[in-house]
Amino acid sequence: MPEGDVETFHKDGEWHNRIEGREGSLGGHATKEEAVAAGRLIAQEHQVEHIVRNLDGKIGQRSTYGHDPRDIPG
């Protein structure tokens, strides 16, 4: 995950967001939906990728909200 991307993940019974390259999380959320919504806003604001992990830690969803380096039409 490149530095600056936002990651939503589950830890210690709560859902968290963190920005890659920075220490700690941006607070806990009771539900995945709350954490995803908060992470999405942060990613949009910073124009970076938002990575959402499932309970097992595997990537469940990725969204790009900024410069997409791929030169693919559509």
C-alpha atoms as a PDB file:
ATOM      1  CA  MET A   1       0.000   0.000   0.000  1.00  0.00           C
ATOM      2  CA  PRO A   2       1.600   3.317  -1.037  1.00  0.00           C
ATOM      3  CA  GLU A   3       2.211   5.973   1.579  1.00  0.00           C
ATOM      4  CA  GLY A   4      -0.820   8.176   2.141  1.00  0.00           C
ATOM      5  CA  ASP A   5      -3.471   5.617   1.172  1.00  0.00           C
ATOM      6  CA  VAL A   6      -6.314   5.058   3.642  1.00  0.00           C
ATOM      7  CA  GLU A   7      -6.948   1.582   5.054  1.00  0.00           C
ATOM      8  CA  THR A   8     -10.069   0.438   6.933  1.00  0.00           C
ATOM      9  CA  PHE A   9      -9.478  -2.616   9.134  1.00  0.00           C
ATOM     10  CA  HIS A  10     -10.806  -4.508  12.179  1.00  0.00           C
ATOM     11  CA  LYS A  11      -8.812  -4.715  15.405  1.00  0.00           C
ATOM     12  CA  ASP A  12      -9.702  -5.404  19.030  1.00  0.00           C
ATOM     13  CA  GLY A  13     -13.457  -5.475  18.403  1.00  0.00           C
ATOM     14  CA  GLU A  14     -13.609  -2.161  16.541  1.00  0.00           C
ATOM     15  CA  TRP A  15     -13.226  -0.914  12.977  1.00  0.00           C
ATOM     16  CA  HIS A  16     -10.423   1.592  12.397  1.00  0.00           C
ATOM     17  CA  ASN A  17      -8.932   3.745   9.668  1.00  0.00           C
ATOM     18  CA  ARG A  18      -5.282   4.584   9.238  1.00  0.00           C
ATOM     19  CA  ILE A  19      -3.204   6.485   6.768  1.00  0.00           C
ATOM     20  CA  GLU A  20      -0.272   4.495   5.426  1.00  0.00           C
ATOM     21  CA  GLY A  21       3.021   5.913   6.616  1.00  0.00           C
ATOM     22  CA  ARG A  22       1.605   7.428   9.814  1.00  0.00           C
ATOM     23  CA  GLU A  23       1.516   5.961  13.308  1.00  0.00           C
ATOM     24  CA  GLY A  24      -1.723   4.773  14.919  1.00  0.00           C
ATOM     25  CA  SER A  25      -5.311   4.756  13.771  1.00  0.00           C
ATOM     26  CA  LEU A  26      -7.789   7.577  13.272  1.00  0.00           C
ATOM     27  CA  GLY A  27     -10.144   6.330  15.995  1.00  0.00           C
ATOM     28  CA  GLY A  28     -12.483   3.397  16.373  1.00  0.00           C
ATOM     29  CA  HIS A  29     -15.963   2.788  14.973  1.00  0.00           C
ATOM     30  CA  ALA A  30     -18.607   0.368  16.208  1.00  0.00           C
ATOM     31  CA  THR A  31     -19.536  -0.837  12.714  1.00  0.00           C
ATOM     32  CA  LYS A  32     -17.723  -1.503   9.474  1.00  0.00           C
ATOM     33  CA  GLU A  33     -20.150   0.770   7.626  1.00  0.00           C
ATOM     34  CA  GLU A  34     -19.269   3.752   9.852  1.00  0.00           C
ATOM     35  CA  ALA A  35     -15.548   3.148   9.423  1.00  0.00           C
ATOM     36  CA  VAL A  36     -15.833   2.715   5.647  1.00  0.00           C
ATOM     37  CA  ALA A  37     -17.811   5.965   5.324  1.00  0.00           C
ATOM     38  CA  ALA A  38     -15.225   7.853   7.400  1.00  0.00           C
ATOM     39  CA  GLY A  39     -12.323   6.290   5.494  1.00  0.00           C
ATOM     40  CA  ARG A  40     -13.949   7.123   2.162  1.00  0.00           C
ATOM     41  CA  LEU A  41     -14.223  10.799   3.131  1.00  0.00           C
ATOM     42  CA  ILE A  42     -10.561  10.916   4.149  1.00  0.00           C
ATOM     43  CA  ALA A  43      -9.465   9.216   0.911  1.00  0.00           C
ATOM     44  CA  GLN A  44     -11.561  11.603  -1.179  1.00  0.00           C
ATOM     45  CA  GLU A  45     -10.179  14.612   0.678  1.00  0.00           C
ATOM     46  CA  HIS A  46      -6.576  13.478   0.142  1.00  0.00           C
ATOM     47  CA  GLN A  47      -7.282  12.052  -3.348  1.00  0.00           C
ATOM     48  CA  VAL A  48      -5.768   8.654  -2.547  1.00  0.00           C
ATOM     49  CA  GLU A  49      -6.798   5.005  -2.613  1.00  0.00           C
ATOM     50  CA  HIS A  50      -9.149   3.565   0.036  1.00  0.00           C
ATOM     51  CA  ILE A  51      -8.539  -0.077   0.950  1.00  0.00           C
ATOM     52  CA  VAL A  52     -11.198  -1.903   2.979  1.00  0.00           C
ATOM     53  CA  ARG A  53     -10.190  -5.159   4.663  1.00  0.00           C
ATOM     54  CA  ASN A  54     -12.536  -7.956   5.730  1.00  0.00           C
ATOM     55  CA  LEU A  55     -12.520  -9.447   9.225  1.00  0.00           C
ATOM     56  CA  ASP A  56      -9.909 -11.988   8.094  1.00  0.00           C
ATOM     57  CA  GLY A  57      -7.575  -9.176   6.994  1.00  0.00           C
ATOM     58  CA  LYS A  58      -7.911  -9.820   3.265  1.00  0.00           C
ATOM     59  CA  ILE A  59      -8.692  -6.918   0.970  1.00  0.00           C
ATOM     60  CA  GLY A  60     -12.423  -6.814   0.316  1.00  0.00           C
ATOM     61  CA  GLN A  61     -12.666  -3.564  -1.619  1.00  0.00           C
ATOM     62  CA  ARG A  62     -10.433  -0.926  -3.217  1.00  0.00           C
ATOM     63  CA  SER A  63     -11.452   2.485  -4.498  1.00  0.00           C
ATOM     64  CA  THR A  64      -9.319   5.235  -6.006  1.00  0.00           C
ATOM     65  CA  TYR A  65     -10.290   8.851  -5.396  1.00  0.00           C
ATOM     66  CA  GLY A  66      -7.450  10.678  -7.053  1.00  0.00           C
ATOM     67  CA  HIS A  67      -4.838  10.417  -9.711  1.00  0.00           C
ATOM     68  CA  ASP A  68      -5.123   7.019 -11.358  1.00  0.00           C
ATOM     69  CA  PRO A  69      -1.778   6.343 -13.066  1.00  0.00           C
ATOM     70  CA  ARG A  70      -3.199   3.688 -15.369  1.00  0.00           C
ATOM     71  CA  ASP A  71      -3.854   4.851 -18.916  1.00  0.00           C
ATOM     72  CA  ILE A  72      -6.914   2.669 -19.455  1.00  0.00           C
ATOM     73  CA  PRO A  73      -9.988   4.109 -21.151  1.00  0.00           C
ATOM     74  CA  GLY A  74     -13.335   3.682 -19.441  1.00  0.00           C
END
